[in-house]
Amino acid sequence: MEEKNMPGSGRQERYIQASILLGLYAGPSYGYELINVIQQYGFIEGAAPPGMIYRHLRQMEEDNLVRSEWETPESGAAKRIYTITEEGREVLDLWVRFMENQAAKLLDFVRKYRTEGPKKTADDE
């Protein structure tokens, strides 16, 4: 079976926005911390590509879903810290409702598969 026909072979980036928003939902975070956190959600196989995450963060900031500011500690390099905005919380809520709906459809599909079984035809008898 070709890889493109395998279940779950969709684009890795599909749920990155939702993952970043959930990662920031608990509180402000740095980009490299988000990379580690969102890997735990299971939507990315292997290491999350930093370039992809930062690209999403920049776009999400332009869309007012997150905001960032530079944090300059007394020692060490300045770091950009990200925070979810109110609009970002609303989008996260939409994502969660979408996922709940998808999960219900998937569970219904599995239930039908498990309970309905193959249809009998005249040739089966």
PDB file of N, CA and C in Angstrom:
ATOM      1  N   MET A   1       0.850  -1.176   0.000  1.00  0.00           N
ATOM      2  CA  MET A   1       0.000   0.000   0.000  1.00  0.00           C
ATOM      3  C   MET A   1       0.891   1.232   0.000  1.00  0.00           C
ATOM      4  N   GLU A   2       0.595   2.197  -0.882  1.00  0.00           N
ATOM      5  CA  GLU A   2       1.387   3.416  -0.960  1.00  0.00           C
ATOM      6  C   GLU A   2       1.206   4.255   0.295  1.00  0.00           C
ATOM      7  N   GLU A   3       2.267   4.992   0.663  1.00  0.00           N
ATOM      8  CA  GLU A   3       2.219   5.819   1.871  1.00  0.00           C
ATOM      9  C   GLU A   3       1.082   6.836   1.812  1.00  0.00           C
ATOM     10  N   LYS A   4       0.828   7.412   0.631  1.00  0.00           N
ATOM     11  CA  LYS A   4      -0.236   8.413   0.535  1.00  0.00           C
ATOM     12  C   LYS A   4      -1.605   7.819   0.830  1.00  0.00           C
ATOM     13  N   ASN A   5      -1.739   6.505   0.740  1.00  0.00           N
ATOM     14  CA  ASN A   5      -3.011   5.842   1.026  1.00  0.00           C
ATOM     15  C   ASN A   5      -3.112   5.352   2.465  1.00  0.00           C
ATOM     16  N   MET A   6      -2.056   5.534   3.234  1.00  0.00           N
ATOM     17  CA  MET A   6      -2.053   5.064   4.612  1.00  0.00           C
ATOM     18  C   MET A   6      -2.845   6.009   5.503  1.00  0.00           C
ATOM     19  N   PRO A   7      -3.603   5.451   6.453  1.00  0.00           N
ATOM     20  CA  PRO A   7      -4.321   6.314   7.400  1.00  0.00           C
ATOM     21  C   PRO A   7      -3.347   7.214   8.151  1.00  0.00           C
ATOM     22  N   GLY A   8      -3.787   8.438   8.379  1.00  0.00           N
ATOM     23  CA  GLY A   8      -2.971   9.361   9.157  1.00  0.00           C
ATOM     24  C   GLY A   8      -1.806   9.959   8.403  1.00  0.00           C
ATOM     25  N   SER A   9      -1.783   9.816   7.078  1.00  0.00           N
ATOM     26  CA  SER A   9      -0.642  10.331   6.325  1.00  0.00           C
ATOM     27  C   SER A   9      -0.841  11.774   5.870  1.00  0.00           C
ATOM     28  N   GLY A  10      -1.763  12.494   6.520  1.00  0.00           N
ATOM     29  CA  GLY A  10      -2.023  13.894   6.175  1.00  0.00           C
ATOM     30  C   GLY A  10      -0.864  14.790   6.559  1.00  0.00           C
ATOM     31  N   ARG A  11      -0.994  16.041   6.233  1.00  0.00           N
ATOM     32  CA  ARG A  11       0.069  16.999   6.520  1.00  0.00           C
ATOM     33  C   ARG A  11       0.278  17.167   8.014  1.00  0.00           C
ATOM     34  N   GLN A  12       1.551  17.213   8.389  1.00  0.00           N
ATOM     35  CA  GLN A  12       1.934  17.406   9.791  1.00  0.00           C
ATOM     36  C   GLN A  12       1.422  18.717  10.355  1.00  0.00           C
ATOM     37  N   GLU A  13       1.342  19.726   9.512  1.00  0.00           N
ATOM     38  CA  GLU A  13       1.026  21.067   9.991  1.00  0.00           C
ATOM     39  C   GLU A  13      -0.454  21.269  10.299  1.00  0.00           C
ATOM     40  N   ARG A  14      -1.283  20.303  10.034  1.00  0.00           N
ATOM     41  CA  ARG A  14      -2.728  20.476  10.144  1.00  0.00           C
ATOM     42  C   ARG A  14      -3.178  21.035  11.498  1.00  0.00           C
ATOM     43  N   TYR A  15      -2.627  20.526  12.583  1.00  0.00           N
ATOM     44  CA  TYR A  15      -3.076  20.946  13.911  1.00  0.00           C
ATOM     45  C   TYR A  15      -2.047  21.778  14.668  1.00  0.00           C
ATOM     46  N   ILE A  16      -1.086  22.349  13.941  1.00  0.00           N
ATOM     47  CA  ILE A  16      -0.046  23.135  14.611  1.00  0.00           C
ATOM     48  C   ILE A  16      -0.635  24.374  15.280  1.00  0.00           C
ATOM     49  N   GLN A  17      -1.518  25.080  14.583  1.00  0.00           N
ATOM     50  CA  GLN A  17      -2.110  26.280  15.173  1.00  0.00           C
ATOM     51  C   GLN A  17      -2.809  25.947  16.489  1.00  0.00           C
ATOM     52  N   ALA A  18      -3.644  24.913  16.463  1.00  0.00           N
ATOM     53  CA  ALA A  18      -4.354  24.512  17.681  1.00  0.00           C
ATOM     54  C   ALA A  18      -3.366  24.105  18.777  1.00  0.00           C
ATOM     55  N   SER A  19      -2.326  23.393  18.398  1.00  0.00           N
ATOM     56  CA  SER A  19      -1.326  22.952  19.379  1.00  0.00           C
ATOM     57  C   SER A  19      -0.603  24.130  20.017  1.00  0.00           C
ATOM     58  N   ILE A  20      -0.226  25.113  19.210  1.00  0.00           N
ATOM     59  CA  ILE A  20       0.450  26.297  19.754  1.00  0.00           C
ATOM     60  C   ILE A  20      -0.486  27.052  20.702  1.00  0.00           C
ATOM     61  N   LEU A  21      -1.731  27.227  20.273  1.00  0.00           N
ATOM     62  CA  LEU A  21      -2.688  27.934  21.131  1.00  0.00           C
ATOM     63  C   LEU A  21      -2.891  27.195  22.448  1.00  0.00           C
ATOM     64  N   LEU A  22      -3.008  25.869  22.397  1.00  0.00           N
ATOM     65  CA  LEU A  22      -3.166  25.106  23.637  1.00  0.00           C
ATOM     66  C   LEU A  22      -1.907  25.210  24.493  1.00  0.00           C
ATOM     67  N   GLY A  23      -0.747  25.192  23.844  1.00  0.00           N
ATOM     68  CA  GLY A  23       0.511  25.341  24.584  1.00  0.00           C
ATOM     69  C   GLY A  23       0.591  26.662  25.330  1.00  0.00           C
ATOM     70  N   LEU A  24      -0.022  27.705  24.765  1.00  0.00           N
ATOM     71  CA  LEU A  24      -0.005  29.023  25.402  1.00  0.00           C
ATOM     72  C   LEU A  24      -1.193  29.245  26.328  1.00  0.00           C
ATOM     73  N   TYR A  25      -2.176  28.388  26.250  1.00  0.00           N
ATOM     74  CA  TYR A  25      -3.396  28.528  27.055  1.00  0.00           C
ATOM     75  C   TYR A  25      -3.080  28.504  28.547  1.00  0.00           C
ATOM     76  N   ALA A  26      -2.113  27.674  28.934  1.00  0.00           N
ATOM     77  CA  ALA A  26      -1.740  27.558  30.352  1.00  0.00           C
ATOM     78  C   ALA A  26      -0.919  28.744  30.831  1.00  0.00           C
ATOM     79  N   GLY A  27      -0.331  29.484  29.888  1.00  0.00           N
ATOM     80  CA  GLY A  27       0.461  30.645  30.277  1.00  0.00           C
ATOM     81  C   GLY A  27       1.506  30.971  29.227  1.00  0.00           C
ATOM     82  N   PRO A  28       2.145  32.135  29.370  1.00  0.00           N
ATOM     83  CA  PRO A  28       3.161  32.568  28.399  1.00  0.00           C
ATOM     84  C   PRO A  28       4.294  31.554  28.287  1.00  0.00           C
ATOM     85  N   SER A  29       4.914  31.545  27.103  1.00  0.00           N
ATOM     86  CA  SER A  29       5.982  30.577  26.860  1.00  0.00           C
ATOM     87  C   SER A  29       6.938  31.100  25.800  1.00  0.00           C
ATOM     88  N   TYR A  30       8.123  30.552  25.794  1.00  0.00           N
ATOM     89  CA  TYR A  30       9.120  30.846  24.773  1.00  0.00           C
ATOM     90  C   TYR A  30       8.947  29.857  23.622  1.00  0.00           C
ATOM     91  N   GLY A  31       9.414  30.227  22.450  1.00  0.00           N
ATOM     92  CA  GLY A  31       9.276  29.371  21.281  1.00  0.00           C
ATOM     93  C   GLY A  31       9.834  27.977  21.479  1.00  0.00           C
ATOM     94  N   TYR A  32      11.051  27.873  22.032  1.00  0.00           N
ATOM     95  CA  TYR A  32      11.650  26.544  22.193  1.00  0.00           C
ATOM     96  C   TYR A  32      10.873  25.705  23.208  1.00  0.00           C
ATOM     97  N   GLU A  33      10.253  26.338  24.207  1.00  0.00           N
ATOM     98  CA  GLU A  33       9.412  25.594  25.158  1.00  0.00           C
ATOM     99  C   GLU A  33       8.170  25.069  24.444  1.00  0.00           C
ATOM    100  N   LEU A  34       7.586  25.903  23.580  1.00  0.00           N
ATOM    101  CA  LEU A  34       6.402  25.479  22.828  1.00  0.00           C
ATOM    102  C   LEU A  34       6.699  24.278  21.951  1.00  0.00           C
ATOM    103  N   ILE A  35       7.865  24.280  21.340  1.00  0.00           N
ATOM    104  CA  ILE A  35       8.252  23.158  20.482  1.00  0.00           C
ATOM    105  C   ILE A  35       8.199  21.857  21.274  1.00  0.00           C
ATOM    106  N   ASN A  36       8.726  21.870  22.491  1.00  0.00           N
ATOM    107  CA  ASN A  36       8.719  20.670  23.332  1.00  0.00           C
ATOM    108  C   ASN A  36       7.306  20.302  23.782  1.00  0.00           C
ATOM    109  N   VAL A  37       6.514  21.307  24.136  1.00  0.00           N
ATOM    110  CA  VAL A  37       5.161  21.061  24.636  1.00  0.00           C
ATOM    111  C   VAL A  37       4.265  20.482  23.549  1.00  0.00           C
ATOM    112  N   ILE A  38       4.282  21.086  22.361  1.00  0.00           N
ATOM    113  CA  ILE A  38       3.328  20.642  21.343  1.00  0.00           C
ATOM    114  C   ILE A  38       3.647  19.255  20.809  1.00  0.00           C
ATOM    115  N   GLN A  39       4.873  18.805  20.952  1.00  0.00           N
ATOM    116  CA  GLN A  39       5.197  17.434  20.541  1.00  0.00           C
ATOM    117  C   GLN A  39       4.430  16.418  21.384  1.00  0.00           C
ATOM    118  N   GLN A  40       4.095  16.780  22.608  1.00  0.00           N
ATOM    119  CA  GLN A  40       3.367  15.874  23.496  1.00  0.00           C
ATOM    120  C   GLN A  40       1.936  15.630  23.034  1.00  0.00           C
ATOM    121  N   TYR A  41       1.402  16.507  22.169  1.00  0.00           N
ATOM    122  CA  TYR A  41       0.013  16.381  21.733  1.00  0.00           C
ATOM    123  C   TYR A  41      -0.164  15.313  20.661  1.00  0.00           C
ATOM    124  N   GLY A  42       0.929  14.844  20.074  1.00  0.00           N
ATOM    125  CA  GLY A  42       0.867  13.730  19.143  1.00  0.00           C
ATOM    126  C   GLY A  42       0.537  14.060  17.700  1.00  0.00           C
ATOM    127  N   PHE A  43       0.496  15.328  17.325  1.00  0.00           N
ATOM    128  CA  PHE A  43       0.172  15.680  15.942  1.00  0.00           C
ATOM    129  C   PHE A  43       1.412  15.767  15.056  1.00  0.00           C
ATOM    130  N   ILE A  44       2.589  15.783  15.668  1.00  0.00           N
ATOM    131  CA  ILE A  44       3.836  15.860  14.915  1.00  0.00           C
ATOM    132  C   ILE A  44       4.636  14.600  15.190  1.00  0.00           C
ATOM    133  N   GLU A  45       5.078  13.953  14.105  1.00  0.00           N
ATOM    134  CA  GLU A  45       5.935  12.783  14.256  1.00  0.00           C
ATOM    135  C   GLU A  45       7.381  13.250  14.301  1.00  0.00           C
ATOM    136  N   GLY A  46       8.133  12.763  15.253  1.00  0.00           N
ATOM    137  CA  GLY A  46       9.523  13.169  15.379  1.00  0.00           C
ATOM    138  C   GLY A  46       9.641  14.554  15.982  1.00  0.00           C
ATOM    139  N   ALA A  47      10.789  15.162  15.765  1.00  0.00           N
ATOM    140  CA  ALA A  47      11.053  16.491  16.323  1.00  0.00           C
ATOM    141  C   ALA A  47      10.277  17.550  15.547  1.00  0.00           C
ATOM    142  N   ALA A  48       9.671  18.463  16.266  1.00  0.00           N
ATOM    143  CA  ALA A  48       8.949  19.566  15.626  1.00  0.00           C
ATOM    144  C   ALA A  48       9.964  20.492  14.977  1.00  0.00           C
ATOM    145  N   PRO A  49       9.823  20.743  13.688  1.00  0.00           N
ATOM    146  CA  PRO A  49      10.777  21.638  13.020  1.00  0.00           C
ATOM    147  C   PRO A  49      10.651  23.076  13.539  1.00  0.00           C
ATOM    148  N   PRO A  50      11.697  23.621  14.153  1.00  0.00           N
ATOM    149  CA  PRO A  50      11.615  24.977  14.714  1.00  0.00           C
ATOM    150  C   PRO A  50      11.175  26.018  13.685  1.00  0.00           C
ATOM    151  N   GLY A  51      11.677  25.928  12.458  1.00  0.00           N
ATOM    152  CA  GLY A  51      11.304  26.904  11.436  1.00  0.00           C
ATOM    153  C   GLY A  51       9.806  26.928  11.198  1.00  0.00           C
ATOM    154  N   MET A  52       9.195  25.751  11.174  1.00  0.00           N
ATOM    155  CA  MET A  52       7.752  25.653  10.962  1.00  0.00           C
ATOM    156  C   MET A  52       6.998  26.295  12.132  1.00  0.00           C
ATOM    157  N   ILE A  53       7.447  26.030  13.354  1.00  0.00           N
ATOM    158  CA  ILE A  53       6.774  26.570  14.536  1.00  0.00           C
ATOM    159  C   ILE A  53       6.890  28.088  14.571  1.00  0.00           C
ATOM    160  N   TYR A  54       8.087  28.600  14.336  1.00  0.00           N
ATOM    161  CA  TYR A  54       8.269  30.052  14.360  1.00  0.00           C
ATOM    162  C   TYR A  54       7.513  30.736  13.221  1.00  0.00           C
ATOM    163  N   ARG A  55       7.418  30.087  12.073  1.00  0.00           N
ATOM    164  CA  ARG A  55       6.625  30.634  10.962  1.00  0.00           C
ATOM    165  C   ARG A  55       5.162  30.760  11.375  1.00  0.00           C
ATOM    166  N   HIS A  56       4.649  29.724  12.026  1.00  0.00           N
ATOM    167  CA  HIS A  56       3.264  29.758  12.513  1.00  0.00           C
ATOM    168  C   HIS A  56       3.091  30.844  13.579  1.00  0.00           C
ATOM    169  N   LEU A  57       4.041  30.958  14.477  1.00  0.00           N
ATOM    170  CA  LEU A  57       3.951  31.984  15.526  1.00  0.00           C
ATOM    171  C   LEU A  57       3.905  33.393  14.921  1.00  0.00           C
ATOM    172  N   ARG A  58       4.741  33.638  13.913  1.00  0.00           N
ATOM    173  CA  ARG A  58       4.733  34.962  13.260  1.00  0.00           C
ATOM    174  C   ARG A  58       3.377  35.227  12.608  1.00  0.00           C
ATOM    175  N   GLN A  59       2.847  34.222  11.893  1.00  0.00           N
ATOM    176  CA  GLN A  59       1.555  34.402  11.238  1.00  0.00           C
ATOM    177  C   GLN A  59       0.448  34.593  12.269  1.00  0.00           C
ATOM    178  N   MET A  60       0.503  33.838  13.344  1.00  0.00           N
ATOM    179  CA  MET A  60      -0.514  33.943  14.389  1.00  0.00           C
ATOM    180  C   MET A  60      -0.438  35.299  15.085  1.00  0.00           C
ATOM    181  N   GLU A  61       0.752  35.857  15.186  1.00  0.00           N
ATOM    182  CA  GLU A  61       0.877  37.191  15.773  1.00  0.00           C
ATOM    183  C   GLU A  61       0.272  38.230  14.815  1.00  0.00           C
ATOM    184  N   GLU A  62       0.515  38.077  13.521  1.00  0.00           N
ATOM    185  CA  GLU A  62      -0.096  38.980  12.537  1.00  0.00           C
ATOM    186  C   GLU A  62      -1.620  38.886  12.584  1.00  0.00           C
ATOM    187  N   ASP A  63      -2.137  37.690  12.871  1.00  0.00           N
ATOM    188  CA  ASP A  63      -3.585  37.467  12.938  1.00  0.00           C
ATOM    189  C   ASP A  63      -4.173  37.790  14.307  1.00  0.00           C
ATOM    190  N   ASN A  64      -3.346  38.314  15.218  1.00  0.00           N
ATOM    191  CA  ASN A  64      -3.752  38.696  16.568  1.00  0.00           C
ATOM    192  C   ASN A  64      -4.241  37.509  17.416  1.00  0.00           C
ATOM    193  N   LEU A  65      -3.694  36.326  17.166  1.00  0.00           N
ATOM    194  CA  LEU A  65      -4.030  35.160  17.988  1.00  0.00           C
ATOM    195  C   LEU A  65      -3.051  35.028  19.153  1.00  0.00           C
ATOM    196  N   VAL A  66      -1.841  35.507  18.945  1.00  0.00           N
ATOM    197  CA  VAL A  66      -0.821  35.534  19.999  1.00  0.00           C
ATOM    198  C   VAL A  66      -0.142  36.904  19.931  1.00  0.00           C
ATOM    199  N   ARG A  67       0.513  37.255  21.016  1.00  0.00           N
ATOM    200  CA  ARG A  67       1.353  38.452  21.005  1.00  0.00           C
ATOM    201  C   ARG A  67       2.686  38.050  21.628  1.00  0.00           C
ATOM    202  N   SER A  68       3.680  38.812  21.300  1.00  0.00           N
ATOM    203  CA  SER A  68       4.998  38.509  21.850  1.00  0.00           C
ATOM    204  C   SER A  68       5.667  39.796  22.301  1.00  0.00           C
ATOM    205  N   GLU A  69       6.614  39.629  23.177  1.00  0.00           N
ATOM    206  CA  GLU A  69       7.448  40.749  23.607  1.00  0.00           C
ATOM    207  C   GLU A  69       8.812  40.190  23.957  1.00  0.00           C
ATOM    208  N   TRP A  70       9.782  41.055  23.860  1.00  0.00           N
ATOM    209  CA  TRP A  70      11.139  40.647  24.191  1.00  0.00           C
ATOM    210  C   TRP A  70      11.327  40.728  25.697  1.00  0.00           C
ATOM    211  N   GLU A  71      11.866  39.682  26.236  1.00  0.00           N
ATOM    212  CA  GLU A  71      12.200  39.627  27.656  1.00  0.00           C
ATOM    213  C   GLU A  71      13.723  39.675  27.745  1.00  0.00           C
ATOM    214  N   THR A  72      14.228  40.658  28.462  1.00  0.00           N
ATOM    215  CA  THR A  72      15.677  40.831  28.552  1.00  0.00           C
ATOM    216  C   THR A  72      16.128  40.583  29.984  1.00  0.00           C
ATOM    217  N   PRO A  73      16.618  39.389  30.252  1.00  0.00           N
ATOM    218  CA  PRO A  73      17.103  39.104  31.607  1.00  0.00           C
ATOM    219  C   PRO A  73      18.415  39.859  31.877  1.00  0.00           C
ATOM    220  N   GLU A  74      18.754  39.985  33.160  1.00  0.00           N
ATOM    221  CA  GLU A  74      19.995  40.686  33.515  1.00  0.00           C
ATOM    222  C   GLU A  74      21.210  39.992  32.925  1.00  0.00           C
ATOM    223  N   SER A  75      21.162  38.666  32.873  1.00  0.00           N
ATOM    224  CA  SER A  75      22.264  37.936  32.251  1.00  0.00           C
ATOM    225  C   SER A  75      21.681  37.034  31.158  1.00  0.00           C
ATOM    226  N   GLY A  76      22.413  36.876  30.098  1.00  0.00           N
ATOM    227  CA  GLY A  76      21.951  36.035  29.000  1.00  0.00           C
ATOM    228  C   GLY A  76      21.295  36.831  27.891  1.00  0.00           C
ATOM    229  N   ALA A  77      20.935  36.124  26.864  1.00  0.00           N
ATOM    230  CA  ALA A  77      20.354  36.758  25.677  1.00  0.00           C
ATOM    231  C   ALA A  77      18.881  37.094  25.884  1.00  0.00           C
ATOM    232  N   ALA A  78      18.428  38.090  25.154  1.00  0.00           N
ATOM    233  CA  ALA A  78      17.002  38.435  25.164  1.00  0.00           C
ATOM    234  C   ALA A  78      16.221  37.301  24.495  1.00  0.00           C
ATOM    235  N   LYS A  79      15.021  37.058  24.995  1.00  0.00           N
ATOM    236  CA  LYS A  79      14.175  35.992  24.453  1.00  0.00           C
ATOM    237  C   LYS A  79      12.786  36.551  24.204  1.00  0.00           C
ATOM    238  N   ARG A  80      12.164  36.038  23.160  1.00  0.00           N
ATOM    239  CA  ARG A  80      10.798  36.452  22.838  1.00  0.00           C
ATOM    240  C   ARG A  80       9.837  35.525  23.588  1.00  0.00           C
ATOM    241  N   ILE A  81       8.919  36.121  24.323  1.00  0.00           N
ATOM    242  CA  ILE A  81       7.930  35.337  25.066  1.00  0.00           C
ATOM    243  C   ILE A  81       6.560  35.562  24.413  1.00  0.00           C
ATOM    244  N   TYR A  82       5.832  34.474  24.239  1.00  0.00           N
ATOM    245  CA  TYR A  82       4.538  34.501  23.551  1.00  0.00           C
ATOM    246  C   TYR A  82       3.398  34.311  24.536  1.00  0.00           C
ATOM    247  N   THR A  83       2.289  35.005  24.253  1.00  0.00           N
ATOM    248  CA  THR A  83       1.082  34.935  25.078  1.00  0.00           C
ATOM    249  C   THR A  83      -0.117  34.810  24.153  1.00  0.00           C
ATOM    250  N   ILE A  84      -1.088  34.001  24.556  1.00  0.00           N
ATOM    251  CA  ILE A  84      -2.318  33.884  23.776  1.00  0.00           C
ATOM    252  C   ILE A  84      -3.174  35.132  24.016  1.00  0.00           C
ATOM    253  N   THR A  85      -3.851  35.600  22.974  1.00  0.00           N
ATOM    254  CA  THR A  85      -4.748  36.754  23.099  1.00  0.00           C
ATOM    255  C   THR A  85      -6.177  36.257  23.300  1.00  0.00           C
ATOM    256  N   GLU A  86      -7.087  37.186  23.556  1.00  0.00           N
ATOM    257  CA  GLU A  86      -8.498  36.812  23.692  1.00  0.00           C
ATOM    258  C   GLU A  86      -9.006  36.195  22.384  1.00  0.00           C
ATOM    259  N   GLU A  87      -8.611  36.782  21.280  1.00  0.00           N
ATOM    260  CA  GLU A  87      -9.006  36.219  19.980  1.00  0.00           C
ATOM    261  C   GLU A  87      -8.419  34.819  19.797  1.00  0.00           C
ATOM    262  N   GLY A  88      -7.203  34.630  20.276  1.00  0.00           N
ATOM    263  CA  GLY A  88      -6.578  33.305  20.228  1.00  0.00           C
ATOM    264  C   GLY A  88      -7.352  32.292  21.051  1.00  0.00           C
ATOM    265  N   ARG A  89      -7.869  32.709  22.203  1.00  0.00           N
ATOM    266  CA  ARG A  89      -8.687  31.818  23.043  1.00  0.00           C
ATOM    267  C   ARG A  89      -9.974  31.427  22.312  1.00  0.00           C
ATOM    268  N   GLU A  90     -10.560  32.381  21.604  1.00  0.00           N
ATOM    269  CA  GLU A  90     -11.781  32.096  20.848  1.00  0.00           C
ATOM    270  C   GLU A  90     -11.500  31.099  19.725  1.00  0.00           C
ATOM    271  N   VAL A  91     -10.370  31.273  19.045  1.00  0.00           N
ATOM    272  CA  VAL A  91     -10.004  30.347  17.972  1.00  0.00           C
ATOM    273  C   VAL A  91      -9.703  28.965  18.551  1.00  0.00           C
ATOM    274  N   LEU A  92      -9.040  28.914  19.709  1.00  0.00           N
ATOM    275  CA  LEU A  92      -8.780  27.628  20.362  1.00  0.00           C
ATOM    276  C   LEU A  92     -10.094  26.939  20.706  1.00  0.00           C
ATOM    277  N   ASP A  93     -11.056  27.702  21.190  1.00  0.00           N
ATOM    278  CA  ASP A  93     -12.368  27.131  21.492  1.00  0.00           C
ATOM    279  C   ASP A  93     -13.007  26.549  20.229  1.00  0.00           C
ATOM    280  N   LEU A  94     -12.890  27.249  19.106  1.00  0.00           N
ATOM    281  CA  LEU A  94     -13.408  26.723  17.833  1.00  0.00           C
ATOM    282  C   LEU A  94     -12.696  25.436  17.438  1.00  0.00           C
ATOM    283  N   TRP A  95     -11.382  25.401  17.617  1.00  0.00           N
ATOM    284  CA  TRP A  95     -10.614  24.188  17.335  1.00  0.00           C
ATOM    285  C   TRP A  95     -11.108  23.016  18.187  1.00  0.00           C
ATOM    286  N   VAL A  96     -11.315  23.278  19.470  1.00  0.00           N
ATOM    287  CA  VAL A  96     -11.747  22.198  20.369  1.00  0.00           C
ATOM    288  C   VAL A  96     -13.117  21.681  19.960  1.00  0.00           C
ATOM    289  N   ARG A  97     -14.027  22.591  19.622  1.00  0.00           N
ATOM    290  CA  ARG A  97     -15.352  22.144  19.166  1.00  0.00           C
ATOM    291  C   ARG A  97     -15.246  21.343  17.866  1.00  0.00           C
ATOM    292  N   PHE A  98     -14.383  21.785  16.949  1.00  0.00           N
ATOM    293  CA  PHE A  98     -14.155  21.047  15.705  1.00  0.00           C
ATOM    294  C   PHE A  98     -13.623  19.644  16.008  1.00  0.00           C
ATOM    295  N   MET A  99     -12.635  19.564  16.900  1.00  0.00           N
ATOM    296  CA  MET A  99     -12.041  18.269  17.241  1.00  0.00           C
ATOM    297  C   MET A  99     -13.047  17.358  17.934  1.00  0.00           C
ATOM    298  N   GLU A 100     -13.868  17.919  18.810  1.00  0.00           N
ATOM    299  CA  GLU A 100     -14.906  17.112  19.464  1.00  0.00           C
ATOM    300  C   GLU A 100     -15.859  16.538  18.427  1.00  0.00           C
ATOM    301  N   ASN A 101     -16.236  17.353  17.453  1.00  0.00           N
ATOM    302  CA  ASN A 101     -17.129  16.907  16.391  1.00  0.00           C
ATOM    303  C   ASN A 101     -16.471  15.807  15.559  1.00  0.00           C
ATOM    304  N   GLN A 102     -15.203  16.010  15.204  1.00  0.00           N
ATOM    305  CA  GLN A 102     -14.469  15.006  14.438  1.00  0.00           C
ATOM    306  C   GLN A 102     -14.323  13.708  15.235  1.00  0.00           C
ATOM    307  N   ALA A 103     -14.015  13.836  16.519  1.00  0.00           N
ATOM    308  CA  ALA A 103     -13.860  12.650  17.367  1.00  0.00           C
ATOM    309  C   ALA A 103     -15.164  11.869  17.444  1.00  0.00           C
ATOM    310  N   ALA A 104     -16.286  12.561  17.568  1.00  0.00           N
ATOM    311  CA  ALA A 104     -17.582  11.890  17.621  1.00  0.00           C
ATOM    312  C   ALA A 104     -17.854  11.142  16.319  1.00  0.00           C
ATOM    313  N   LYS A 105     -17.534  11.767  15.186  1.00  0.00           N
ATOM    314  CA  LYS A 105     -17.733  11.108  13.893  1.00  0.00           C
ATOM    315  C   LYS A 105     -16.838   9.878  13.756  1.00  0.00           C
ATOM    316  N   LEU A 106     -15.595  10.015  14.194  1.00  0.00           N
ATOM    317  CA  LEU A 106     -14.669   8.885  14.122  1.00  0.00           C
ATOM    318  C   LEU A 106     -15.125   7.733  15.015  1.00  0.00           C
ATOM    319  N   LEU A 107     -15.549   8.045  16.230  1.00  0.00           N
ATOM    320  CA  LEU A 107     -16.020   7.001  17.135  1.00  0.00           C
ATOM    321  C   LEU A 107     -17.282   6.329  16.596  1.00  0.00           C
ATOM    322  N   ASP A 108     -18.162   7.102  15.981  1.00  0.00           N
ATOM    323  CA  ASP A 108     -19.361   6.542  15.366  1.00  0.00           C
ATOM    324  C   ASP A 108     -18.980   5.605  14.220  1.00  0.00           C
ATOM    325  N   PHE A 109     -18.008   5.995  13.425  1.00  0.00           N
ATOM    326  CA  PHE A 109     -17.529   5.162  12.323  1.00  0.00           C
ATOM    327  C   PHE A 109     -16.991   3.832  12.853  1.00  0.00           C
ATOM    328  N   VAL A 110     -16.161   3.895  13.889  1.00  0.00           N
ATOM    329  CA  VAL A 110     -15.581   2.683  14.480  1.00  0.00           C
ATOM    330  C   VAL A 110     -16.675   1.799  15.068  1.00  0.00           C
ATOM    331  N   ARG A 111     -17.645   2.429  15.759  1.00  0.00           N
ATOM    332  CA  ARG A 111     -18.753   1.657  16.338  1.00  0.00           C
ATOM    333  C   ARG A 111     -19.527   0.924  15.242  1.00  0.00           C
ATOM    334  N   LYS A 112     -19.795   1.601  14.145  1.00  0.00           N
ATOM    335  CA  LYS A 112     -20.512   0.958  13.038  1.00  0.00           C
ATOM    336  C   LYS A 112     -19.710  -0.185  12.458  1.00  0.00           C
ATOM    337  N   TYR A 113     -18.427   0.004  12.310  1.00  0.00           N
ATOM    338  CA  TYR A 113     -17.563  -1.061  11.808  1.00  0.00           C
ATOM    339  C   TYR A 113     -17.612  -2.279  12.731  1.00  0.00           C
ATOM    340  N   ARG A 114     -17.542  -2.030  14.018  1.00  0.00           N
ATOM    341  CA  ARG A 114     -17.512  -3.136  14.991  1.00  0.00           C
ATOM    342  C   ARG A 114     -18.866  -3.842  15.121  1.00  0.00           C
ATOM    343  N   THR A 115     -19.963  -3.141  14.947  1.00  0.00           N
ATOM    344  CA  THR A 115     -21.276  -3.737  15.202  1.00  0.00           C
ATOM    345  C   THR A 115     -22.001  -4.214  13.951  1.00  0.00           C
ATOM    346  N   GLU A 116     -21.780  -3.589  12.812  1.00  0.00           N
ATOM    347  CA  GLU A 116     -22.555  -3.940  11.634  1.00  0.00           C
ATOM    348  C   GLU A 116     -22.017  -5.158  10.904  1.00  0.00           C
ATOM    349  N   GLY A 117     -20.732  -5.329  10.843  1.00  0.00           N
ATOM    350  CA  GLY A 117     -20.163  -6.475  10.163  1.00  0.00           C
ATOM    351  C   GLY A 117     -20.474  -6.477   8.674  1.00  0.00           C
ATOM    352  N   PRO A 118     -19.911  -7.464   7.970  1.00  0.00           N
ATOM    353  CA  PRO A 118     -20.137  -7.529   6.525  1.00  0.00           C
ATOM    354  C   PRO A 118     -21.581  -7.899   6.194  1.00  0.00           C
ATOM    355  N   LYS A 119     -22.071  -7.358   5.103  1.00  0.00           N
ATOM    356  CA  LYS A 119     -23.427  -7.664   4.634  1.00  0.00           C
ATOM    357  C   LYS A 119     -23.407  -9.025   3.936  1.00  0.00           C
ATOM    358  N   LYS A 120     -24.415  -9.814   4.161  1.00  0.00           N
ATOM    359  CA  LYS A 120     -24.551 -11.119   3.503  1.00  0.00           C
ATOM    360  C   LYS A 120     -25.147 -10.918   2.113  1.00  0.00           C
ATOM    361  N   THR A 121     -24.610 -11.624   1.157  1.00  0.00           N
ATOM    362  CA  THR A 121     -25.167 -11.604  -0.193  1.00  0.00           C
ATOM    363  C   THR A 121     -25.678 -12.997  -0.538  1.00  0.00           C
ATOM    364  N   ALA A 122     -26.370 -13.107  -1.651  1.00  0.00           N
ATOM    365  CA  ALA A 122     -26.894 -14.406  -2.090  1.00  0.00           C
ATOM    366  C   ALA A 122     -25.758 -15.393  -2.313  1.00  0.00           C
ATOM    367  N   ASP A 123     -24.602 -14.907  -2.731  1.00  0.00           N
ATOM    368  CA  ASP A 123     -23.454 -15.784  -2.987  1.00  0.00           C
ATOM    369  C   ASP A 123     -22.861 -16.347  -1.697  1.00  0.00           C
ATOM    370  N   ASP A 124     -23.111 -15.657  -0.556  1.00  0.00           N
ATOM    371  CA  ASP A 124     -22.575 -16.107   0.731  1.00  0.00           C
ATOM    372  C   ASP A 124     -23.338 -17.307   1.294  1.00  0.00           C
ATOM    373  N   GLU A 125     -24.542 -17.527   0.799  1.00  0.00           N
ATOM    374  CA  GLU A 125     -25.358 -18.594   1.394  1.00  0.00           C
ATOM    375  C   GLU A 125     -25.175 -19.892   0.695  1.00  0.00           C
TER     376      GLU A 125
END
